[in-house]
Amino acid sequence: MTMPDRDGWTVETLHDNYAQALREDRVFYDSETDHQRLRVFENGRFGRVLTLDGVVQTTEGDEFMYHEMLAHVPILAHGAAKRVLVIGGGDGGMAREVLRHTSVDHCTMVEIDAGVVDFSKEYLPALSDGVFDDPRLDLVIADGAAFMAEKHEPFDVIIVDSTDPIGPGEVLFTDSFYGHAARLLTPDGILVTQNGVPFMQPDELRQTMRAFRTLFPDWGCYLTHVPSYAGGPMALGWGSMSVKGRDVDLAVLKQRFAAAGLQTRYYTPEVHKAAFALPAYVAALLS
């Protein structure tokens, strides 16, 4: 949980034997919904910060490092993604990055908590940047796992922008959920997932990779750095129905990136390729 102390600092204690602290210069929102406690406050370095049940979910200062890598890597690796599914991502940042690709015809976003969407529009408008008004976006308020189990229409890319595997987000890390995701992918489809910080949460990545190994012809993870997700680089799970996505040449990625006309702050084709080069301690979690 996160508790502000008398000096106006919030201390996040997600991990055993470790905590991070953020100064609360101003609290904009603090309310408990049926699903979780939502808070938004201002921090001098990170800007507005969103926490769910005391855990930092996104900040204005570094959200681009996460959203760009979870969206652009699979879409540009695929090369012809028309239909994208986002599970979670109620702040709108992931859908924003997905729909910056004019080649994407349709994005379905499934968020369990309508309250997250509503207050994000009001208190974190820079994250969604108007994406909720994009006619290509279909916002569905529903449980992501139930939606996946009932859905039959295929997707080229599925992005799981989930919380950590506690509370409502726990079901999004199960073998059953990943199995439904694999079923919904097109022949060259790609699934990417949020898998935490491997140095602090090794079991989260290890268990996901155990499931991916049995479901996908090509599986593994790649890395990004998000300062507010403290404890080292963050792992993003990768499961693909073919090896084409991972094997795309750098020159081809550069062509696709240029054609997309994206202006990015973290993603580059070079970073895309390098992100799959894993430190030994992370690679060991995949074995």
C-alpha atoms as a PDB file:
ATOM      1  CA  MET A   1       0.000   0.000   0.000  1.00  0.00           C
ATOM      2  CA  THR A   2       0.969   3.658  -0.212  1.00  0.00           C
ATOM      3  CA  MET A   3       0.660   6.049   2.710  1.00  0.00           C
ATOM      4  CA  PRO A   4       1.531   9.770   2.616  1.00  0.00           C
ATOM      5  CA  ASP A   5       3.513  10.734   5.718  1.00  0.00           C
ATOM      6  CA  ARG A   6       3.323  14.004   7.604  1.00  0.00           C
ATOM      7  CA  ASP A   7       5.922  15.625   5.357  1.00  0.00           C
ATOM      8  CA  GLY A   8       3.816  15.063   2.221  1.00  0.00           C
ATOM      9  CA  TRP A   9       5.679  12.059   0.818  1.00  0.00           C
ATOM     10  CA  THR A  10       4.037   8.932  -0.575  1.00  0.00           C
ATOM     11  CA  VAL A  11       5.895   5.684   0.075  1.00  0.00           C
ATOM     12  CA  GLU A  12       5.176   2.724  -2.187  1.00  0.00           C
ATOM     13  CA  THR A  13       5.917  -0.653  -0.644  1.00  0.00           C
ATOM     14  CA  LEU A  14       5.046  -2.998  -3.500  1.00  0.00           C
ATOM     15  CA  HIS A  15       8.205  -5.086  -3.036  1.00  0.00           C
ATOM     16  CA  ASP A  16       9.567  -6.755   0.092  1.00  0.00           C
ATOM     17  CA  ASN A  17      12.647  -5.078   1.578  1.00  0.00           C
ATOM     18  CA  TYR A  18      12.379  -2.111  -0.781  1.00  0.00           C
ATOM     19  CA  ALA A  19      10.316   1.063  -1.145  1.00  0.00           C
ATOM     20  CA  GLN A  20      10.233   4.199  -3.256  1.00  0.00           C
ATOM     21  CA  ALA A  21       9.035   7.621  -2.166  1.00  0.00           C
ATOM     22  CA  LEU A  22       7.449  10.432  -4.180  1.00  0.00           C
ATOM     23  CA  ARG A  23       6.689  13.867  -2.815  1.00  0.00           C
ATOM     24  CA  GLU A  24       3.048  14.894  -3.076  1.00  0.00           C
ATOM     25  CA  ASP A  25       3.079  18.572  -3.976  1.00  0.00           C
ATOM     26  CA  ARG A  26      -0.668  18.600  -4.553  1.00  0.00           C
ATOM     27  CA  VAL A  27      -3.366  15.914  -4.450  1.00  0.00           C
ATOM     28  CA  PHE A  28      -5.907  16.209  -7.269  1.00  0.00           C
ATOM     29  CA  TYR A  29      -7.987  13.091  -6.699  1.00  0.00           C
ATOM     30  CA  ASP A  30      -8.395  10.476  -3.977  1.00  0.00           C
ATOM     31  CA  SER A  31     -11.368   8.131  -4.153  1.00  0.00           C
ATOM     32  CA  GLU A  32     -12.165   4.459  -3.776  1.00  0.00           C
ATOM     33  CA  THR A  33     -14.262   2.737  -6.451  1.00  0.00           C
ATOM     34  CA  ASP A  34     -15.855  -0.704  -6.320  1.00  0.00           C
ATOM     35  CA  HIS A  35     -12.599  -2.162  -7.653  1.00  0.00           C
ATOM     36  CA  GLN A  36      -9.691  -0.092  -6.332  1.00  0.00           C
ATOM     37  CA  ARG A  37      -8.479   3.125  -4.713  1.00  0.00           C
ATOM     38  CA  LEU A  38      -7.516   5.774  -7.257  1.00  0.00           C
ATOM     39  CA  ARG A  39      -5.220   8.676  -6.480  1.00  0.00           C
ATOM     40  CA  VAL A  40      -3.680  11.410  -8.630  1.00  0.00           C
ATOM     41  CA  PHE A  41      -1.109  13.814  -7.251  1.00  0.00           C
ATOM     42  CA  GLU A  42       1.500  16.235  -8.555  1.00  0.00           C
ATOM     43  CA  ASN A  43       5.220  15.525  -8.179  1.00  0.00           C
ATOM     44  CA  GLY A  44       7.915  18.029  -9.101  1.00  0.00           C
ATOM     45  CA  ARG A  45       9.897  15.535 -11.197  1.00  0.00           C
ATOM     46  CA  PHE A  46       7.259  13.185 -12.622  1.00  0.00           C
ATOM     47  CA  GLY A  47       4.328  15.584 -13.013  1.00  0.00           C
ATOM     48  CA  ARG A  48       0.943  14.052 -12.314  1.00  0.00           C
ATOM     49  CA  VAL A  49       1.159  10.551 -10.855  1.00  0.00           C
ATOM     50  CA  LEU A  50      -1.601   7.916 -10.885  1.00  0.00           C
ATOM     51  CA  THR A  51      -1.633   5.213  -8.230  1.00  0.00           C
ATOM     52  CA  LEU A  52      -4.040   2.279  -7.934  1.00  0.00           C
ATOM     53  CA  ASP A  53      -4.235   0.676  -4.510  1.00  0.00           C
ATOM     54  CA  GLY A  54      -1.028   2.444  -3.585  1.00  0.00           C
ATOM     55  CA  VAL A  55       1.075   1.309  -6.541  1.00  0.00           C
ATOM     56  CA  VAL A  56       2.350   3.742  -9.173  1.00  0.00           C
ATOM     57  CA  GLN A  57       0.656   2.975 -12.507  1.00  0.00           C
ATOM     58  CA  THR A  58       1.762   5.856 -14.691  1.00  0.00           C
ATOM     59  CA  THR A  59       3.230   9.331 -14.519  1.00  0.00           C
ATOM     60  CA  GLU A  60       3.164  12.208 -16.983  1.00  0.00           C
ATOM     61  CA  GLY A  61       6.946  12.369 -16.846  1.00  0.00           C
ATOM     62  CA  ASP A  62       7.917   8.876 -17.987  1.00  0.00           C
ATOM     63  CA  GLU A  63       4.770   7.229 -19.407  1.00  0.00           C
ATOM     64  CA  PHE A  64       6.114   7.474 -22.953  1.00  0.00           C
ATOM     65  CA  MET A  65       8.869   4.964 -22.190  1.00  0.00           C
ATOM     66  CA  TYR A  66       6.258   2.337 -21.367  1.00  0.00           C
ATOM     67  CA  HIS A  67       3.471   3.147 -23.806  1.00  0.00           C
ATOM     68  CA  GLU A  68       5.711   3.564 -26.848  1.00  0.00           C
ATOM     69  CA  MET A  69       7.534   0.282 -26.314  1.00  0.00           C
ATOM     70  CA  LEU A  70       4.440  -1.779 -25.556  1.00  0.00           C
ATOM     71  CA  ALA A  71       2.566  -0.398 -28.589  1.00  0.00           C
ATOM     72  CA  HIS A  72       5.096   0.320 -31.351  1.00  0.00           C
ATOM     73  CA  VAL A  73       7.254  -2.797 -31.013  1.00  0.00           C
ATOM     74  CA  PRO A  74       4.482  -5.307 -31.891  1.00  0.00           C
ATOM     75  CA  ILE A  75       2.730  -3.061 -34.430  1.00  0.00           C
ATOM     76  CA  LEU A  76       5.892  -2.250 -36.378  1.00  0.00           C
ATOM     77  CA  ALA A  77       7.177  -5.820 -36.023  1.00  0.00           C
ATOM     78  CA  HIS A  78       3.929  -7.119 -37.493  1.00  0.00           C
ATOM     79  CA  GLY A  79       3.993  -4.623 -40.335  1.00  0.00           C
ATOM     80  CA  ALA A  80       0.338  -4.940 -41.350  1.00  0.00           C
ATOM     81  CA  ALA A  81      -1.670  -4.757 -38.129  1.00  0.00           C
ATOM     82  CA  LYS A  82      -5.225  -3.582 -38.771  1.00  0.00           C
ATOM     83  CA  ARG A  83      -7.030  -4.778 -35.643  1.00  0.00           C
ATOM     84  CA  VAL A  84      -5.545  -4.246 -32.189  1.00  0.00           C
ATOM     85  CA  LEU A  85      -6.919  -5.289 -28.790  1.00  0.00           C
ATOM     86  CA  VAL A  86      -5.823  -3.513 -25.594  1.00  0.00           C
ATOM     87  CA  ILE A  87      -6.656  -5.143 -22.277  1.00  0.00           C
ATOM     88  CA  GLY A  88      -6.538  -2.558 -19.481  1.00  0.00           C
ATOM     89  CA  GLY A  89      -5.003   0.823 -20.148  1.00  0.00           C
ATOM     90  CA  GLY A  90      -7.888   2.855 -18.743  1.00  0.00           C
ATOM     91  CA  ASP A  91      -5.820   6.047 -18.719  1.00  0.00           C
ATOM     92  CA  GLY A  92      -5.871   5.991 -22.532  1.00  0.00           C
ATOM     93  CA  GLY A  93      -2.113   6.152 -23.052  1.00  0.00           C
ATOM     94  CA  MET A  94      -1.856   2.787 -24.778  1.00  0.00           C
ATOM     95  CA  ALA A  95      -4.777   3.404 -27.121  1.00  0.00           C
ATOM     96  CA  ARG A  96      -3.248   6.807 -27.900  1.00  0.00           C
ATOM     97  CA  GLU A  97      -0.011   5.212 -29.115  1.00  0.00           C
ATOM     98  CA  VAL A  98      -1.804   2.414 -30.987  1.00  0.00           C
ATOM     99  CA  LEU A  99      -3.999   4.847 -32.914  1.00  0.00           C
ATOM    100  CA  ARG A 100      -1.098   7.077 -33.849  1.00  0.00           C
ATOM    101  CA  HIS A 101      -0.643   4.365 -36.489  1.00  0.00           C
ATOM    102  CA  THR A 102      -2.993   5.484 -39.255  1.00  0.00           C
ATOM    103  CA  SER A 103      -2.677   1.969 -40.690  1.00  0.00           C
ATOM    104  CA  VAL A 104      -4.631   0.569 -37.708  1.00  0.00           C
ATOM    105  CA  ASP A 105      -8.303   0.408 -38.662  1.00  0.00           C
ATOM    106  CA  HIS A 106      -9.745  -0.576 -35.296  1.00  0.00           C
ATOM    107  CA  CYS A 107      -8.684  -0.693 -31.646  1.00  0.00           C
ATOM    108  CA  THR A 108     -10.784  -2.399 -28.997  1.00  0.00           C
ATOM    109  CA  MET A 109      -9.908  -1.370 -25.446  1.00  0.00           C
ATOM    110  CA  VAL A 110     -11.288  -3.412 -22.545  1.00  0.00           C
ATOM    111  CA  GLU A 111     -11.100  -1.751 -19.122  1.00  0.00           C
ATOM    112  CA  ILE A 112     -12.690  -3.247 -16.028  1.00  0.00           C
ATOM    113  CA  ASP A 113     -13.214   0.028 -14.189  1.00  0.00           C
ATOM    114  CA  ALA A 114     -15.135   2.878 -15.807  1.00  0.00           C
ATOM    115  CA  GLY A 115     -13.958   5.103 -12.981  1.00  0.00           C
ATOM    116  CA  VAL A 116     -10.370   4.910 -14.237  1.00  0.00           C
ATOM    117  CA  VAL A 117     -11.439   6.168 -17.661  1.00  0.00           C
ATOM    118  CA  ASP A 118     -13.611   8.956 -16.290  1.00  0.00           C
ATOM    119  CA  PHE A 119     -11.080  10.423 -13.918  1.00  0.00           C
ATOM    120  CA  SER A 120      -8.212   9.976 -16.380  1.00  0.00           C
ATOM    121  CA  LYS A 121     -10.077  12.148 -18.866  1.00  0.00           C
ATOM    122  CA  GLU A 122     -10.392  14.829 -16.208  1.00  0.00           C
ATOM    123  CA  TYR A 123      -7.142  14.564 -14.256  1.00  0.00           C
ATOM    124  CA  LEU A 124      -4.700  13.006 -16.770  1.00  0.00           C
ATOM    125  CA  PRO A 125      -5.919  14.373 -20.122  1.00  0.00           C
ATOM    126  CA  ALA A 126      -2.415  14.479 -21.593  1.00  0.00           C
ATOM    127  CA  LEU A 127      -2.194  10.686 -21.474  1.00  0.00           C
ATOM    128  CA  SER A 128      -5.222  10.015 -23.650  1.00  0.00           C
ATOM    129  CA  ASP A 129      -4.698  13.159 -25.764  1.00  0.00           C
ATOM    130  CA  GLY A 130      -8.190  12.948 -27.230  1.00  0.00           C
ATOM    131  CA  VAL A 131      -8.050   9.258 -28.159  1.00  0.00           C
ATOM    132  CA  PHE A 132     -11.438   8.537 -26.559  1.00  0.00           C
ATOM    133  CA  ASP A 133     -12.987  10.622 -29.354  1.00  0.00           C
ATOM    134  CA  ASP A 134     -11.268   8.641 -32.113  1.00  0.00           C
ATOM    135  CA  PRO A 135     -13.936   6.742 -34.106  1.00  0.00           C
ATOM    136  CA  ARG A 136     -11.538   3.824 -34.533  1.00  0.00           C
ATOM    137  CA  LEU A 137     -11.615   3.163 -30.756  1.00  0.00           C
ATOM    138  CA  ASP A 138     -14.193   0.812 -29.261  1.00  0.00           C
ATOM    139  CA  LEU A 139     -14.137   1.207 -25.472  1.00  0.00           C
ATOM    140  CA  VAL A 140     -15.599  -1.781 -23.632  1.00  0.00           C
ATOM    141  CA  ILE A 141     -16.124  -1.669 -19.864  1.00  0.00           C
ATOM    142  CA  ALA A 142     -15.785  -5.303 -18.866  1.00  0.00           C
ATOM    143  CA  ASP A 143     -13.548  -7.848 -17.205  1.00  0.00           C
ATOM    144  CA  GLY A 144     -10.674  -8.476 -19.618  1.00  0.00           C
ATOM    145  CA  ALA A 145     -10.414 -12.194 -18.898  1.00  0.00           C
ATOM    146  CA  ALA A 146     -14.137 -12.761 -19.435  1.00  0.00           C
ATOM    147  CA  PHE A 147     -14.041 -10.716 -22.643  1.00  0.00           C
ATOM    148  CA  MET A 148     -11.178 -12.839 -23.990  1.00  0.00           C
ATOM    149  CA  ALA A 149     -12.940 -16.088 -23.125  1.00  0.00           C
ATOM    150  CA  GLU A 150     -16.101 -15.033 -24.968  1.00  0.00           C
ATOM    151  CA  LYS A 151     -14.538 -13.264 -27.963  1.00  0.00           C
ATOM    152  CA  HIS A 152     -14.095 -15.020 -31.306  1.00  0.00           C
ATOM    153  CA  GLU A 153     -13.084 -12.235 -33.679  1.00  0.00           C
ATOM    154  CA  PRO A 154      -9.302 -12.302 -34.383  1.00  0.00           C
ATOM    155  CA  PHE A 155      -6.759  -9.561 -33.763  1.00  0.00           C
ATOM    156  CA  ASP A 156      -3.366  -8.860 -35.299  1.00  0.00           C
ATOM    157  CA  VAL A 157      -1.910  -7.474 -32.063  1.00  0.00           C
ATOM    158  CA  ILE A 158      -3.050  -7.933 -28.462  1.00  0.00           C
ATOM    159  CA  ILE A 159      -1.563  -5.663 -25.794  1.00  0.00           C
ATOM    160  CA  VAL A 160      -2.070  -6.467 -22.113  1.00  0.00           C
ATOM    161  CA  ASP A 161      -1.598  -3.179 -20.246  1.00  0.00           C
ATOM    162  CA  SER A 162      -2.374  -4.610 -16.829  1.00  0.00           C
ATOM    163  CA  THR A 163      -1.662  -3.875 -13.217  1.00  0.00           C
ATOM    164  CA  ASP A 164       0.572  -6.283 -11.286  1.00  0.00           C
ATOM    165  CA  PRO A 165      -0.854  -9.784 -10.616  1.00  0.00           C
ATOM    166  CA  ILE A 166      -2.707  -8.762  -7.479  1.00  0.00           C
ATOM    167  CA  GLY A 167      -6.388  -7.945  -7.045  1.00  0.00           C
ATOM    168  CA  PRO A 168      -8.363  -7.439 -10.296  1.00  0.00           C
ATOM    169  CA  GLY A 169      -5.212  -7.867 -12.405  1.00  0.00           C
ATOM    170  CA  GLU A 170      -4.326 -11.337 -11.119  1.00  0.00           C
ATOM    171  CA  VAL A 171      -6.497 -13.193 -13.648  1.00  0.00           C
ATOM    172  CA  LEU A 172      -4.612 -11.531 -16.533  1.00  0.00           C
ATOM    173  CA  PHE A 173      -1.511 -13.586 -15.710  1.00  0.00           C
ATOM    174  CA  THR A 174      -3.063 -17.052 -15.885  1.00  0.00           C
ATOM    175  CA  ASP A 175      -2.483 -19.870 -18.375  1.00  0.00           C
ATOM    176  CA  SER A 176      -6.171 -19.759 -19.290  1.00  0.00           C
ATOM    177  CA  PHE A 177      -6.016 -16.054 -20.154  1.00  0.00           C
ATOM    178  CA  TYR A 178      -2.897 -16.488 -22.286  1.00  0.00           C
ATOM    179  CA  GLY A 179      -4.518 -19.457 -24.008  1.00  0.00           C
ATOM    180  CA  HIS A 180      -7.508 -17.347 -25.033  1.00  0.00           C
ATOM    181  CA  ALA A 181      -5.134 -14.646 -26.278  1.00  0.00           C
ATOM    182  CA  ALA A 182      -3.318 -17.157 -28.476  1.00  0.00           C
ATOM    183  CA  ARG A 183      -6.661 -18.368 -29.832  1.00  0.00           C
ATOM    184  CA  LEU A 184      -7.644 -14.836 -30.858  1.00  0.00           C
ATOM    185  CA  LEU A 185      -4.448 -14.011 -32.741  1.00  0.00           C
ATOM    186  CA  THR A 186      -4.225 -14.044 -36.533  1.00  0.00           C
ATOM    187  CA  PRO A 187      -1.582 -16.331 -38.145  1.00  0.00           C
ATOM    188  CA  ASP A 188       1.146 -13.668 -37.780  1.00  0.00           C
ATOM    189  CA  GLY A 189      -0.398 -12.174 -34.632  1.00  0.00           C
ATOM    190  CA  ILE A 190       1.594 -10.909 -31.655  1.00  0.00           C
ATOM    191  CA  LEU A 191       0.748 -10.731 -27.950  1.00  0.00           C
ATOM    192  CA  VAL A 192       2.703  -8.384 -25.672  1.00  0.00           C
ATOM    193  CA  THR A 193       2.281  -8.129 -21.909  1.00  0.00           C
ATOM    194  CA  GLN A 194       3.374  -6.063 -18.942  1.00  0.00           C
ATOM    195  CA  ASN A 195       5.567  -8.350 -16.841  1.00  0.00           C
ATOM    196  CA  GLY A 196       7.001  -6.167 -14.121  1.00  0.00           C
ATOM    197  CA  VAL A 197      10.595  -5.551 -13.086  1.00  0.00           C
ATOM    198  CA  PRO A 198      12.459  -8.882 -13.290  1.00  0.00           C
ATOM    199  CA  PHE A 199      15.018  -8.004 -10.611  1.00  0.00           C
ATOM    200  CA  MET A 200      12.237  -7.381  -8.104  1.00  0.00           C
ATOM    201  CA  GLN A 201       9.529  -9.691  -9.518  1.00  0.00           C
ATOM    202  CA  PRO A 202      11.292 -12.697 -11.090  1.00  0.00           C
ATOM    203  CA  ASP A 203       8.401 -15.102 -10.536  1.00  0.00           C
ATOM    204  CA  GLU A 204       6.031 -12.892 -12.529  1.00  0.00           C
ATOM    205  CA  LEU A 205       8.170 -13.198 -15.661  1.00  0.00           C
ATOM    206  CA  ARG A 206       9.102 -16.829 -15.042  1.00  0.00           C
ATOM    207  CA  GLN A 207       5.483 -17.952 -14.785  1.00  0.00           C
ATOM    208  CA  THR A 208       4.391 -16.015 -17.856  1.00  0.00           C
ATOM    209  CA  MET A 209       7.234 -17.469 -19.907  1.00  0.00           C
ATOM    210  CA  ARG A 210       6.320 -20.978 -18.783  1.00  0.00           C
ATOM    211  CA  ALA A 211       2.858 -20.430 -20.284  1.00  0.00           C
ATOM    212  CA  PHE A 212       4.169 -18.728 -23.438  1.00  0.00           C
ATOM    213  CA  ARG A 213       6.553 -21.624 -24.108  1.00  0.00           C
ATOM    214  CA  THR A 214       3.621 -23.984 -24.664  1.00  0.00           C
ATOM    215  CA  LEU A 215       1.396 -21.566 -26.587  1.00  0.00           C
ATOM    216  CA  PHE A 216       3.536 -19.644 -29.066  1.00  0.00           C
ATOM    217  CA  PRO A 217       5.970 -20.664 -31.819  1.00  0.00           C
ATOM    218  CA  ASP A 218       8.039 -17.601 -30.894  1.00  0.00           C
ATOM    219  CA  TRP A 219       8.128 -16.406 -27.297  1.00  0.00           C
ATOM    220  CA  GLY A 220      10.294 -14.420 -24.919  1.00  0.00           C
ATOM    221  CA  CYS A 221      10.496 -10.879 -23.642  1.00  0.00           C
ATOM    222  CA  TYR A 222      12.072  -7.519 -24.330  1.00  0.00           C
ATOM    223  CA  LEU A 223      13.000  -4.640 -22.047  1.00  0.00           C
ATOM    224  CA  THR A 224      12.287  -0.988 -21.459  1.00  0.00           C
ATOM    225  CA  HIS A 225      13.280   1.471 -18.749  1.00  0.00           C
ATOM    226  CA  VAL A 226      10.590   3.286 -16.756  1.00  0.00           C
ATOM    227  CA  PRO A 227      12.051   5.232 -13.800  1.00  0.00           C
ATOM    228  CA  SER A 228       8.842   5.237 -11.755  1.00  0.00           C
ATOM    229  CA  TYR A 229       8.745   1.415 -11.974  1.00  0.00           C
ATOM    230  CA  ALA A 230      11.756   1.227  -9.711  1.00  0.00           C
ATOM    231  CA  GLY A 231      14.149  -1.673  -9.361  1.00  0.00           C
ATOM    232  CA  GLY A 232      15.669  -2.048 -12.822  1.00  0.00           C
ATOM    233  CA  PRO A 233      14.474  -2.479 -16.417  1.00  0.00           C
ATOM    234  CA  MET A 234      10.944  -3.620 -17.060  1.00  0.00           C
ATOM    235  CA  ALA A 235      10.119  -6.833 -18.930  1.00  0.00           C
ATOM    236  CA  LEU A 236       7.491  -6.880 -21.656  1.00  0.00           C
ATOM    237  CA  GLY A 237       6.348 -10.361 -22.624  1.00  0.00           C
ATOM    238  CA  TRP A 238       6.359 -11.385 -26.298  1.00  0.00           C
ATOM    239  CA  GLY A 239       4.333 -14.222 -27.775  1.00  0.00           C
ATOM    240  CA  SER A 240       3.970 -14.549 -31.542  1.00  0.00           C
ATOM    241  CA  MET A 241       2.240 -17.025 -33.809  1.00  0.00           C
ATOM    242  CA  SER A 242       5.165 -16.813 -36.258  1.00  0.00           C
ATOM    243  CA  VAL A 243       8.873 -15.947 -36.137  1.00  0.00           C
ATOM    244  CA  LYS A 244       8.480 -13.179 -38.710  1.00  0.00           C
ATOM    245  CA  GLY A 245       7.889 -10.426 -36.185  1.00  0.00           C
ATOM    246  CA  ARG A 246      11.074 -10.863 -34.199  1.00  0.00           C
ATOM    247  CA  ASP A 247      13.183 -11.480 -37.314  1.00  0.00           C
ATOM    248  CA  VAL A 248      12.339  -8.199 -39.083  1.00  0.00           C
ATOM    249  CA  ASP A 249      15.528  -6.543 -40.348  1.00  0.00           C
ATOM    250  CA  LEU A 250      16.540  -3.175 -38.944  1.00  0.00           C
ATOM    251  CA  ALA A 251      16.336  -1.643 -42.416  1.00  0.00           C
ATOM    252  CA  VAL A 252      12.707  -2.802 -42.742  1.00  0.00           C
ATOM    253  CA  LEU A 253      11.851  -1.452 -39.292  1.00  0.00           C
ATOM    254  CA  LYS A 254      13.328   1.905 -40.300  1.00  0.00           C
ATOM    255  CA  GLN A 255      11.187   1.952 -43.431  1.00  0.00           C
ATOM    256  CA  ARG A 256       8.028   1.101 -41.488  1.00  0.00           C
ATOM    257  CA  PHE A 257       8.828   3.679 -38.805  1.00  0.00           C
ATOM    258  CA  ALA A 258       9.394   6.403 -41.406  1.00  0.00           C
ATOM    259  CA  ALA A 259       6.201   5.470 -43.260  1.00  0.00           C
ATOM    260  CA  ALA A 260       4.203   5.639 -40.024  1.00  0.00           C
ATOM    261  CA  GLY A 261       5.367   9.220 -39.492  1.00  0.00           C
ATOM    262  CA  LEU A 262       5.687   8.723 -35.732  1.00  0.00           C
ATOM    263  CA  GLN A 263       7.345  11.291 -33.507  1.00  0.00           C
ATOM    264  CA  THR A 264       8.626   9.323 -30.520  1.00  0.00           C
ATOM    265  CA  ARG A 265      10.584  10.141 -27.384  1.00  0.00           C
ATOM    266  CA  TYR A 266      11.859   6.642 -26.527  1.00  0.00           C
ATOM    267  CA  TYR A 267      11.166   4.215 -29.349  1.00  0.00           C
ATOM    268  CA  THR A 268      13.530   3.978 -32.290  1.00  0.00           C
ATOM    269  CA  PRO A 269      14.053   1.041 -34.647  1.00  0.00           C
ATOM    270  CA  GLU A 270      17.518   0.575 -33.133  1.00  0.00           C
ATOM    271  CA  VAL A 271      16.102   0.464 -29.601  1.00  0.00           C
ATOM    272  CA  HIS A 272      13.435  -1.953 -30.856  1.00  0.00           C
ATOM    273  CA  LYS A 273      16.052  -4.469 -32.001  1.00  0.00           C
ATOM    274  CA  ALA A 274      18.297  -3.966 -28.980  1.00  0.00           C
ATOM    275  CA  ALA A 275      15.443  -4.420 -26.507  1.00  0.00           C
ATOM    276  CA  PHE A 276      15.420  -8.175 -27.227  1.00  0.00           C
ATOM    277  CA  ALA A 277      19.067  -8.507 -26.089  1.00  0.00           C
ATOM    278  CA  LEU A 278      18.620  -9.659 -22.498  1.00  0.00           C
ATOM    279  CA  PRO A 279      20.987  -9.449 -19.522  1.00  0.00           C
ATOM    280  CA  ALA A 280      21.976 -12.896 -18.292  1.00  0.00           C
ATOM    281  CA  TYR A 281      19.861 -12.694 -15.120  1.00  0.00           C
ATOM    282  CA  VAL A 282      16.735 -11.963 -17.201  1.00  0.00           C
ATOM    283  CA  ALA A 283      17.519 -14.618 -19.817  1.00  0.00           C
ATOM    284  CA  ALA A 284      17.866 -17.174 -17.018  1.00  0.00           C
ATOM    285  CA  LEU A 285      14.212 -16.583 -16.085  1.00  0.00           C
ATOM    286  CA  LEU A 286      13.155 -17.767 -19.541  1.00  0.00           C
ATOM    287  CA  SER A 287      14.897 -21.124 -19.341  1.00  0.00           C
END
